[in-house]
Amino acid sequence: MTRTERIETRLREAFSPAHLEVRDDSESHRGHAGYQEGGESHFVVVIRAKAFEDKSRIARHRAVHEALGKELVSEIHALSLDIDT
């Protein structure tokens, strides 16, 4: 399973989002720190879920990181999050 698939699976299981977009943005970082040949080092995640209602921005980010797990987060160089309800 690719990192993209692992991210999608874990976020769907944790939040049952109404909308989820996971985009591998690694190619736009070629030549920069953290770039890995073959991609899957830089991601953009757009997620909309009721689970984020009444949570602060920091709490939302922490919840996403927790859902992904330390192991997967440690494999990712950059993770841009757009989180809303």
PDB file of N, CA and C in Angstrom:
ATOM      1  N   MET A   1       0.859  -1.178   0.000  1.00  0.00           N
ATOM      2  CA  MET A   1       0.000   0.000   0.000  1.00  0.00           C
ATOM      3  C   MET A   1       0.905   1.240   0.000  1.00  0.00           C
ATOM      4  N   THR A   2       0.603   2.204  -0.830  1.00  0.00           N
ATOM      5  CA  THR A   2       1.388   3.436  -0.905  1.00  0.00           C
ATOM      6  C   THR A   2       1.115   4.323   0.301  1.00  0.00           C
ATOM      7  N   ARG A   3       1.974   5.313   0.512  1.00  0.00           N
ATOM      8  CA  ARG A   3       1.726   6.265   1.605  1.00  0.00           C
ATOM      9  C   ARG A   3       0.415   7.007   1.382  1.00  0.00           C
ATOM     10  N   THR A   4       0.160   7.390   0.135  1.00  0.00           N
ATOM     11  CA  THR A   4      -1.088   8.088  -0.177  1.00  0.00           C
ATOM     12  C   THR A   4      -2.280   7.236   0.245  1.00  0.00           C
ATOM     13  N   GLU A   5      -2.269   5.972  -0.103  1.00  0.00           N
ATOM     14  CA  GLU A   5      -3.363   5.065   0.261  1.00  0.00           C
ATOM     15  C   GLU A   5      -3.461   4.895   1.770  1.00  0.00           C
ATOM     16  N   ARG A   6      -2.326   4.807   2.446  1.00  0.00           N
ATOM     17  CA  ARG A   6      -2.332   4.670   3.904  1.00  0.00           C
ATOM     18  C   ARG A   6      -2.927   5.909   4.556  1.00  0.00           C
ATOM     19  N   ILE A   7      -2.561   7.091   4.062  1.00  0.00           N
ATOM     20  CA  ILE A   7      -3.118   8.332   4.597  1.00  0.00           C
ATOM     21  C   ILE A   7      -4.629   8.353   4.400  1.00  0.00           C
ATOM     22  N   GLU A   8      -5.077   8.072   3.183  1.00  0.00           N
ATOM     23  CA  GLU A   8      -6.517   8.070   2.885  1.00  0.00           C
ATOM     24  C   GLU A   8      -7.258   7.086   3.768  1.00  0.00           C
ATOM     25  N   THR A   9      -6.753   5.877   3.893  1.00  0.00           N
ATOM     26  CA  THR A   9      -7.409   4.837   4.686  1.00  0.00           C
ATOM     27  C   THR A   9      -7.536   5.250   6.141  1.00  0.00           C
ATOM     28  N   ARG A  10      -6.453   5.716   6.719  1.00  0.00           N
ATOM     29  CA  ARG A  10      -6.480   6.081   8.144  1.00  0.00           C
ATOM     30  C   ARG A  10      -7.405   7.266   8.415  1.00  0.00           C
ATOM     31  N   LEU A  11      -7.411   8.246   7.521  1.00  0.00           N
ATOM     32  CA  LEU A  11      -8.280   9.408   7.739  1.00  0.00           C
ATOM     33  C   LEU A  11      -9.749   9.053   7.532  1.00  0.00           C
ATOM     34  N   ARG A  12     -10.052   8.219   6.560  1.00  0.00           N
ATOM     35  CA  ARG A  12     -11.444   7.772   6.360  1.00  0.00           C
ATOM     36  C   ARG A  12     -11.934   6.989   7.581  1.00  0.00           C
ATOM     37  N   GLU A  13     -11.095   6.104   8.088  1.00  0.00           N
ATOM     38  CA  GLU A  13     -11.478   5.290   9.250  1.00  0.00           C
ATOM     39  C   GLU A  13     -11.676   6.148  10.494  1.00  0.00           C
ATOM     40  N   ALA A  14     -10.830   7.137  10.681  1.00  0.00           N
ATOM     41  CA  ALA A  14     -10.879   7.950  11.898  1.00  0.00           C
ATOM     42  C   ALA A  14     -11.980   8.995  11.889  1.00  0.00           C
ATOM     43  N   PHE A  15     -12.281   9.574  10.709  1.00  0.00           N
ATOM     44  CA  PHE A  15     -13.167  10.731  10.683  1.00  0.00           C
ATOM     45  C   PHE A  15     -14.406  10.603   9.804  1.00  0.00           C
ATOM     46  N   SER A  16     -14.520   9.572   9.003  1.00  0.00           N
ATOM     47  CA  SER A  16     -15.648   9.427   8.072  1.00  0.00           C
ATOM     48  C   SER A  16     -15.946  10.754   7.374  1.00  0.00           C
ATOM     49  N   PRO A  17     -14.969  11.297   6.681  1.00  0.00           N
ATOM     50  CA  PRO A  17     -15.132  12.643   6.114  1.00  0.00           C
ATOM     51  C   PRO A  17     -16.165  12.729   4.997  1.00  0.00           C
ATOM     52  N   ALA A  18     -16.792  13.894   4.912  1.00  0.00           N
ATOM     53  CA  ALA A  18     -17.705  14.184   3.805  1.00  0.00           C
ATOM     54  C   ALA A  18     -16.887  14.438   2.540  1.00  0.00           C
ATOM     55  N   HIS A  19     -15.679  14.940   2.722  1.00  0.00           N
ATOM     56  CA  HIS A  19     -14.765  15.203   1.602  1.00  0.00           C
ATOM     57  C   HIS A  19     -13.343  14.915   2.068  1.00  0.00           C
ATOM     58  N   LEU A  20     -12.587  14.215   1.235  1.00  0.00           N
ATOM     59  CA  LEU A  20     -11.180  13.946   1.525  1.00  0.00           C
ATOM     60  C   LEU A  20     -10.398  13.960   0.226  1.00  0.00           C
ATOM     61  N   GLU A  21      -9.355  14.757   0.223  1.00  0.00           N
ATOM     62  CA  GLU A  21      -8.448  14.824  -0.918  1.00  0.00           C
ATOM     63  C   GLU A  21      -7.031  14.708  -0.374  1.00  0.00           C
ATOM     64  N   VAL A  22      -6.290  13.724  -0.862  1.00  0.00           N
ATOM     65  CA  VAL A  22      -4.889  13.556  -0.493  1.00  0.00           C
ATOM     66  C   VAL A  22      -4.080  13.657  -1.772  1.00  0.00           C
ATOM     67  N   ARG A  23      -3.248  14.706  -1.827  1.00  0.00           N
ATOM     68  CA  ARG A  23      -2.473  14.936  -3.045  1.00  0.00           C
ATOM     69  C   ARG A  23      -0.979  14.846  -2.737  1.00  0.00           C
ATOM     70  N   ASP A  24      -0.275  14.042  -3.534  1.00  0.00           N
ATOM     71  CA  ASP A  24       1.174  13.937  -3.431  1.00  0.00           C
ATOM     72  C   ASP A  24       1.759  15.144  -4.158  1.00  0.00           C
ATOM     73  N   ASP A  25       2.344  16.057  -3.411  1.00  0.00           N
ATOM     74  CA  ASP A  25       2.885  17.299  -3.956  1.00  0.00           C
ATOM     75  C   ASP A  25       4.412  17.259  -4.045  1.00  0.00           C
ATOM     76  N   SER A  26       4.973  16.069  -3.965  1.00  0.00           N
ATOM     77  CA  SER A  26       6.419  15.907  -3.891  1.00  0.00           C
ATOM     78  C   SER A  26       7.158  16.464  -5.089  1.00  0.00           C
ATOM     79  N   GLU A  27       6.624  16.262  -6.276  1.00  0.00           N
ATOM     80  CA  GLU A  27       7.327  16.675  -7.488  1.00  0.00           C
ATOM     81  C   GLU A  27       7.603  18.183  -7.501  1.00  0.00           C
ATOM     82  N   SER A  28       6.731  18.968  -6.918  1.00  0.00           N
ATOM     83  CA  SER A  28       6.960  20.412  -6.901  1.00  0.00           C
ATOM     84  C   SER A  28       8.074  20.795  -5.927  1.00  0.00           C
ATOM     85  N   HIS A  29       8.591  19.830  -5.179  1.00  0.00           N
ATOM     86  CA  HIS A  29       9.676  20.068  -4.222  1.00  0.00           C
ATOM     87  C   HIS A  29      10.984  19.403  -4.649  1.00  0.00           C
ATOM     88  N   ARG A  30      11.046  18.934  -5.880  1.00  0.00           N
ATOM     89  CA  ARG A  30      12.261  18.297  -6.391  1.00  0.00           C
ATOM     90  C   ARG A  30      13.449  19.246  -6.204  1.00  0.00           C
ATOM     91  N   GLY A  31      14.517  18.721  -5.658  1.00  0.00           N
ATOM     92  CA  GLY A  31      15.714  19.520  -5.433  1.00  0.00           C
ATOM     93  C   GLY A  31      15.748  20.213  -4.084  1.00  0.00           C
ATOM     94  N   HIS A  32      14.648  20.158  -3.342  1.00  0.00           N
ATOM     95  CA  HIS A  32      14.586  20.779  -2.024  1.00  0.00           C
ATOM     96  C   HIS A  32      14.783  19.731  -0.935  1.00  0.00           C
ATOM     97  N   ALA A  33      14.996  20.199   0.256  1.00  0.00           N
ATOM     98  CA  ALA A  33      15.188  19.304   1.398  1.00  0.00           C
ATOM     99  C   ALA A  33      13.996  18.365   1.564  1.00  0.00           C
ATOM    100  N   GLY A  34      14.301  17.125   1.859  1.00  0.00           N
ATOM    101  CA  GLY A  34      13.252  16.149   2.132  1.00  0.00           C
ATOM    102  C   GLY A  34      12.671  15.467   0.919  1.00  0.00           C
ATOM    103  N   TYR A  35      13.010  15.947  -0.282  1.00  0.00           N
ATOM    104  CA  TYR A  35      12.475  15.306  -1.489  1.00  0.00           C
ATOM    105  C   TYR A  35      13.018  13.884  -1.576  1.00  0.00           C
ATOM    106  N   GLN A  36      12.147  12.957  -1.915  1.00  0.00           N
ATOM    107  CA  GLN A  36      12.537  11.551  -2.087  1.00  0.00           C
ATOM    108  C   GLN A  36      12.226  11.137  -3.509  1.00  0.00           C
ATOM    109  N   GLU A  37      13.181  10.533  -4.173  1.00  0.00           N
ATOM    110  CA  GLU A  37      12.955  10.036  -5.532  1.00  0.00           C
ATOM    111  C   GLU A  37      11.764   9.088  -5.499  1.00  0.00           C
ATOM    112  N   GLY A  38      10.866   9.257  -6.431  1.00  0.00           N
ATOM    113  CA  GLY A  38       9.659   8.435  -6.454  1.00  0.00           C
ATOM    114  C   GLY A  38       8.478   9.098  -5.758  1.00  0.00           C
ATOM    115  N   GLY A  39       8.733  10.231  -5.110  1.00  0.00           N
ATOM    116  CA  GLY A  39       7.637  10.976  -4.487  1.00  0.00           C
ATOM    117  C   GLY A  39       7.226  10.464  -3.133  1.00  0.00           C
ATOM    118  N   GLU A  40       6.014  10.826  -2.754  1.00  0.00           N
ATOM    119  CA  GLU A  40       5.411  10.466  -1.478  1.00  0.00           C
ATOM    120  C   GLU A  40       6.201  10.968  -0.272  1.00  0.00           C
ATOM    121  N   SER A  41       6.717  12.196  -0.405  1.00  0.00           N
ATOM    122  CA  SER A  41       7.412  12.831   0.712  1.00  0.00           C
ATOM    123  C   SER A  41       6.711  14.117   1.162  1.00  0.00           C
ATOM    124  N   HIS A  42       5.962  14.744   0.255  1.00  0.00           N
ATOM    125  CA  HIS A  42       5.255  15.995   0.521  1.00  0.00           C
ATOM    126  C   HIS A  42       3.784  15.815   0.135  1.00  0.00           C
ATOM    127  N   PHE A  43       2.888  16.098   1.084  1.00  0.00           N
ATOM    128  CA  PHE A  43       1.467  15.879   0.839  1.00  0.00           C
ATOM    129  C   PHE A  43       0.631  17.100   1.182  1.00  0.00           C
ATOM    130  N   VAL A  44      -0.465  17.234   0.465  1.00  0.00           N
ATOM    131  CA  VAL A  44      -1.500  18.217   0.769  1.00  0.00           C
ATOM    132  C   VAL A  44      -2.765  17.420   1.060  1.00  0.00           C
ATOM    133  N   VAL A  45      -3.368  17.673   2.211  1.00  0.00           N
ATOM    134  CA  VAL A  45      -4.598  16.984   2.600  1.00  0.00           C
ATOM    135  C   VAL A  45      -5.697  18.020   2.818  1.00  0.00           C
ATOM    136  N   VAL A  46      -6.819  17.808   2.152  1.00  0.00           N
ATOM    137  CA  VAL A  46      -8.014  18.618   2.356  1.00  0.00           C
ATOM    138  C   VAL A  46      -9.057  17.667   2.928  1.00  0.00           C
ATOM    139  N   ILE A  47      -9.550  17.978   4.101  1.00  0.00           N
ATOM    140  CA  ILE A  47     -10.511  17.091   4.747  1.00  0.00           C
ATOM    141  C   ILE A  47     -11.638  17.910   5.375  1.00  0.00           C
ATOM    142  N   ARG A  48     -12.847  17.429   5.178  1.00  0.00           N
ATOM    143  CA  ARG A  48     -14.043  18.037   5.758  1.00  0.00           C
ATOM    144  C   ARG A  48     -14.791  16.939   6.514  1.00  0.00           C
ATOM    145  N   ALA A  49     -14.970  17.144   7.813  1.00  0.00           N
ATOM    146  CA  ALA A  49     -15.645  16.137   8.625  1.00  0.00           C
ATOM    147  C   ALA A  49     -16.310  16.781   9.833  1.00  0.00           C
ATOM    148  N   LYS A  50     -17.458  16.270  10.197  1.00  0.00           N
ATOM    149  CA  LYS A  50     -18.186  16.752  11.379  1.00  0.00           C
ATOM    150  C   LYS A  50     -17.361  16.570  12.647  1.00  0.00           C
ATOM    151  N   ALA A  51     -16.455  15.601  12.633  1.00  0.00           N
ATOM    152  CA  ALA A  51     -15.633  15.311  13.809  1.00  0.00           C
ATOM    153  C   ALA A  51     -14.797  16.505  14.251  1.00  0.00           C
ATOM    154  N   PHE A  52     -14.619  17.487  13.364  1.00  0.00           N
ATOM    155  CA  PHE A  52     -13.792  18.648  13.690  1.00  0.00           C
ATOM    156  C   PHE A  52     -14.592  19.824  14.250  1.00  0.00           C
ATOM    157  N   GLU A  53     -15.901  19.676  14.339  1.00  0.00           N
ATOM    158  CA  GLU A  53     -16.736  20.735  14.904  1.00  0.00           C
ATOM    159  C   GLU A  53     -16.294  21.026  16.331  1.00  0.00           C
ATOM    160  N   ASP A  54     -16.311  22.277  16.688  1.00  0.00           N
ATOM    161  CA  ASP A  54     -15.989  22.720  18.055  1.00  0.00           C
ATOM    162  C   ASP A  54     -14.557  22.421  18.472  1.00  0.00           C
ATOM    163  N   LYS A  55     -13.661  22.147  17.506  1.00  0.00           N
ATOM    164  CA  LYS A  55     -12.252  21.921  17.836  1.00  0.00           C
ATOM    165  C   LYS A  55     -11.434  23.081  17.290  1.00  0.00           C
ATOM    166  N   SER A  56     -10.440  23.471  18.043  1.00  0.00           N
ATOM    167  CA  SER A  56      -9.542  24.525  17.592  1.00  0.00           C
ATOM    168  C   SER A  56      -8.689  24.016  16.433  1.00  0.00           C
ATOM    169  N   ARG A  57      -8.054  24.937  15.767  1.00  0.00           N
ATOM    170  CA  ARG A  57      -7.168  24.573  14.650  1.00  0.00           C
ATOM    171  C   ARG A  57      -6.083  23.605  15.117  1.00  0.00           C
ATOM    172  N   ILE A  58      -5.501  23.877  16.256  1.00  0.00           N
ATOM    173  CA  ILE A  58      -4.446  23.009  16.783  1.00  0.00           C
ATOM    174  C   ILE A  58      -5.001  21.633  17.123  1.00  0.00           C
ATOM    175  N   ALA A  59      -6.169  21.585  17.740  1.00  0.00           N
ATOM    176  CA  ALA A  59      -6.789  20.300  18.088  1.00  0.00           C
ATOM    177  C   ALA A  59      -7.090  19.483  16.834  1.00  0.00           C
ATOM    178  N   ARG A  60      -7.506  20.149  15.765  1.00  0.00           N
ATOM    179  CA  ARG A  60      -7.777  19.455  14.499  1.00  0.00           C
ATOM    180  C   ARG A  60      -6.502  18.859  13.931  1.00  0.00           C
ATOM    181  N   HIS A  61      -5.434  19.635  13.933  1.00  0.00           N
ATOM    182  CA  HIS A  61      -4.154  19.140  13.415  1.00  0.00           C
ATOM    183  C   HIS A  61      -3.646  17.970  14.257  1.00  0.00           C
ATOM    184  N   ARG A  62      -3.763  18.091  15.560  1.00  0.00           N
ATOM    185  CA  ARG A  62      -3.328  17.004  16.442  1.00  0.00           C
ATOM    186  C   ARG A  62      -4.137  15.735  16.184  1.00  0.00           C
ATOM    187  N   ALA A  63      -5.439  15.891  15.966  1.00  0.00           N
ATOM    188  CA  ALA A  63      -6.295  14.729  15.700  1.00  0.00           C
ATOM    189  C   ALA A  63      -5.884  14.030  14.409  1.00  0.00           C
ATOM    190  N   VAL A  64      -5.558  14.799  13.380  1.00  0.00           N
ATOM    191  CA  VAL A  64      -5.120  14.204  12.116  1.00  0.00           C
ATOM    192  C   VAL A  64      -3.797  13.476  12.316  1.00  0.00           C
ATOM    193  N   HIS A  65      -2.851  14.110  12.985  1.00  0.00           N
ATOM    194  CA  HIS A  65      -1.554  13.462  13.228  1.00  0.00           C
ATOM    195  C   HIS A  65      -1.730  12.184  14.037  1.00  0.00           C
ATOM    196  N   GLU A  66      -2.592  12.213  15.025  1.00  0.00           N
ATOM    197  CA  GLU A  66      -2.850  11.024  15.839  1.00  0.00           C
ATOM    198  C   GLU A  66      -3.457   9.911  14.989  1.00  0.00           C
ATOM    199  N   ALA A  67      -4.390  10.263  14.120  1.00  0.00           N
ATOM    200  CA  ALA A  67      -5.024   9.263  13.255  1.00  0.00           C
ATOM    201  C   ALA A  67      -4.015   8.640  12.300  1.00  0.00           C
ATOM    202  N   LEU A  68      -3.081   9.436  11.816  1.00  0.00           N
ATOM    203  CA  LEU A  68      -2.067   8.908  10.901  1.00  0.00           C
ATOM    204  C   LEU A  68      -1.067   8.022  11.631  1.00  0.00           C
ATOM    205  N   GLY A  69      -0.754   8.354  12.851  1.00  0.00           N
ATOM    206  CA  GLY A  69       0.183   7.563  13.640  1.00  0.00           C
ATOM    207  C   GLY A  69       1.611   8.058  13.486  1.00  0.00           C
ATOM    208  N   LYS A  70       2.386   7.885  14.536  1.00  0.00           N
ATOM    209  CA  LYS A  70       3.764   8.375  14.556  1.00  0.00           C
ATOM    210  C   LYS A  70       4.616   7.785  13.445  1.00  0.00           C
ATOM    211  N   GLU A  71       4.439   6.510  13.178  1.00  0.00           N
ATOM    212  CA  GLU A  71       5.261   5.841  12.159  1.00  0.00           C
ATOM    213  C   GLU A  71       5.054   6.474  10.779  1.00  0.00           C
ATOM    214  N   LEU A  72       3.800   6.640  10.380  1.00  0.00           N
ATOM    215  CA  LEU A  72       3.506   7.210   9.066  1.00  0.00           C
ATOM    216  C   LEU A  72       3.920   8.678   9.011  1.00  0.00           C
ATOM    217  N   VAL A  73       3.639   9.435  10.046  1.00  0.00           N
ATOM    218  CA  VAL A  73       4.016  10.847  10.068  1.00  0.00           C
ATOM    219  C   VAL A  73       5.535  10.992   9.946  1.00  0.00           C
ATOM    220  N   SER A  74       6.285  10.087  10.553  1.00  0.00           N
ATOM    221  CA  SER A  74       7.746  10.174  10.490  1.00  0.00           C
ATOM    222  C   SER A  74       8.290   9.886   9.085  1.00  0.00           C
ATOM    223  N   GLU A  75       7.506   9.248   8.243  1.00  0.00           N
ATOM    224  CA  GLU A  75       7.920   8.949   6.868  1.00  0.00           C
ATOM    225  C   GLU A  75       7.669  10.114   5.916  1.00  0.00           C
ATOM    226  N   ILE A  76       6.907  11.094   6.364  1.00  0.00           N
ATOM    227  CA  ILE A  76       6.492  12.216   5.528  1.00  0.00           C
ATOM    228  C   ILE A  76       7.343  13.434   5.872  1.00  0.00           C
ATOM    229  N   HIS A  77       7.901  14.079   4.857  1.00  0.00           N
ATOM    230  CA  HIS A  77       8.709  15.281   5.107  1.00  0.00           C
ATOM    231  C   HIS A  77       7.830  16.503   5.359  1.00  0.00           C
ATOM    232  N   ALA A  78       6.761  16.663   4.575  1.00  0.00           N
ATOM    233  CA  ALA A  78       5.896  17.836   4.724  1.00  0.00           C
ATOM    234  C   ALA A  78       4.439  17.432   4.532  1.00  0.00           C
ATOM    235  N   LEU A  79       3.587  17.961   5.414  1.00  0.00           N
ATOM    236  CA  LEU A  79       2.172  17.653   5.371  1.00  0.00           C
ATOM    237  C   LEU A  79       1.389  18.949   5.539  1.00  0.00           C
ATOM    238  N   SER A  80       0.759  19.399   4.488  1.00  0.00           N
ATOM    239  CA  SER A  80      -0.056  20.610   4.510  1.00  0.00           C
ATOM    240  C   SER A  80      -1.502  20.190   4.747  1.00  0.00           C
ATOM    241  N   LEU A  81      -2.134  20.744   5.777  1.00  0.00           N
ATOM    242  CA  LEU A  81      -3.485  20.347   6.150  1.00  0.00           C
ATOM    243  C   LEU A  81      -4.471  21.497   5.995  1.00  0.00           C
ATOM    244  N   ASP A  82      -5.565  21.212   5.290  1.00  0.00           N
ATOM    245  CA  ASP A  82      -6.700  22.125   5.164  1.00  0.00           C
ATOM    246  C   ASP A  82      -7.871  21.390   5.787  1.00  0.00           C
ATOM    247  N   ILE A  83      -8.196  21.726   7.036  1.00  0.00           N
ATOM    248  CA  ILE A  83      -9.175  20.971   7.824  1.00  0.00           C
ATOM    249  C   ILE A  83     -10.364  21.863   8.160  1.00  0.00           C
ATOM    250  N   ASP A  84     -11.579  21.335   7.926  1.00  0.00           N
ATOM    251  CA  ASP A  84     -12.786  22.084   8.275  1.00  0.00           C
ATOM    252  C   ASP A  84     -13.928  21.100   8.467  1.00  0.00           C
ATOM    253  N   THR A  85     -15.080  21.636   8.865  1.00  0.00           N
ATOM    254  CA  THR A  85     -16.250  20.787   9.094  1.00  0.00           C
ATOM    255  C   THR A  85     -17.090  20.677   7.851  1.00  0.00           C
TER     256      THR A  85
END
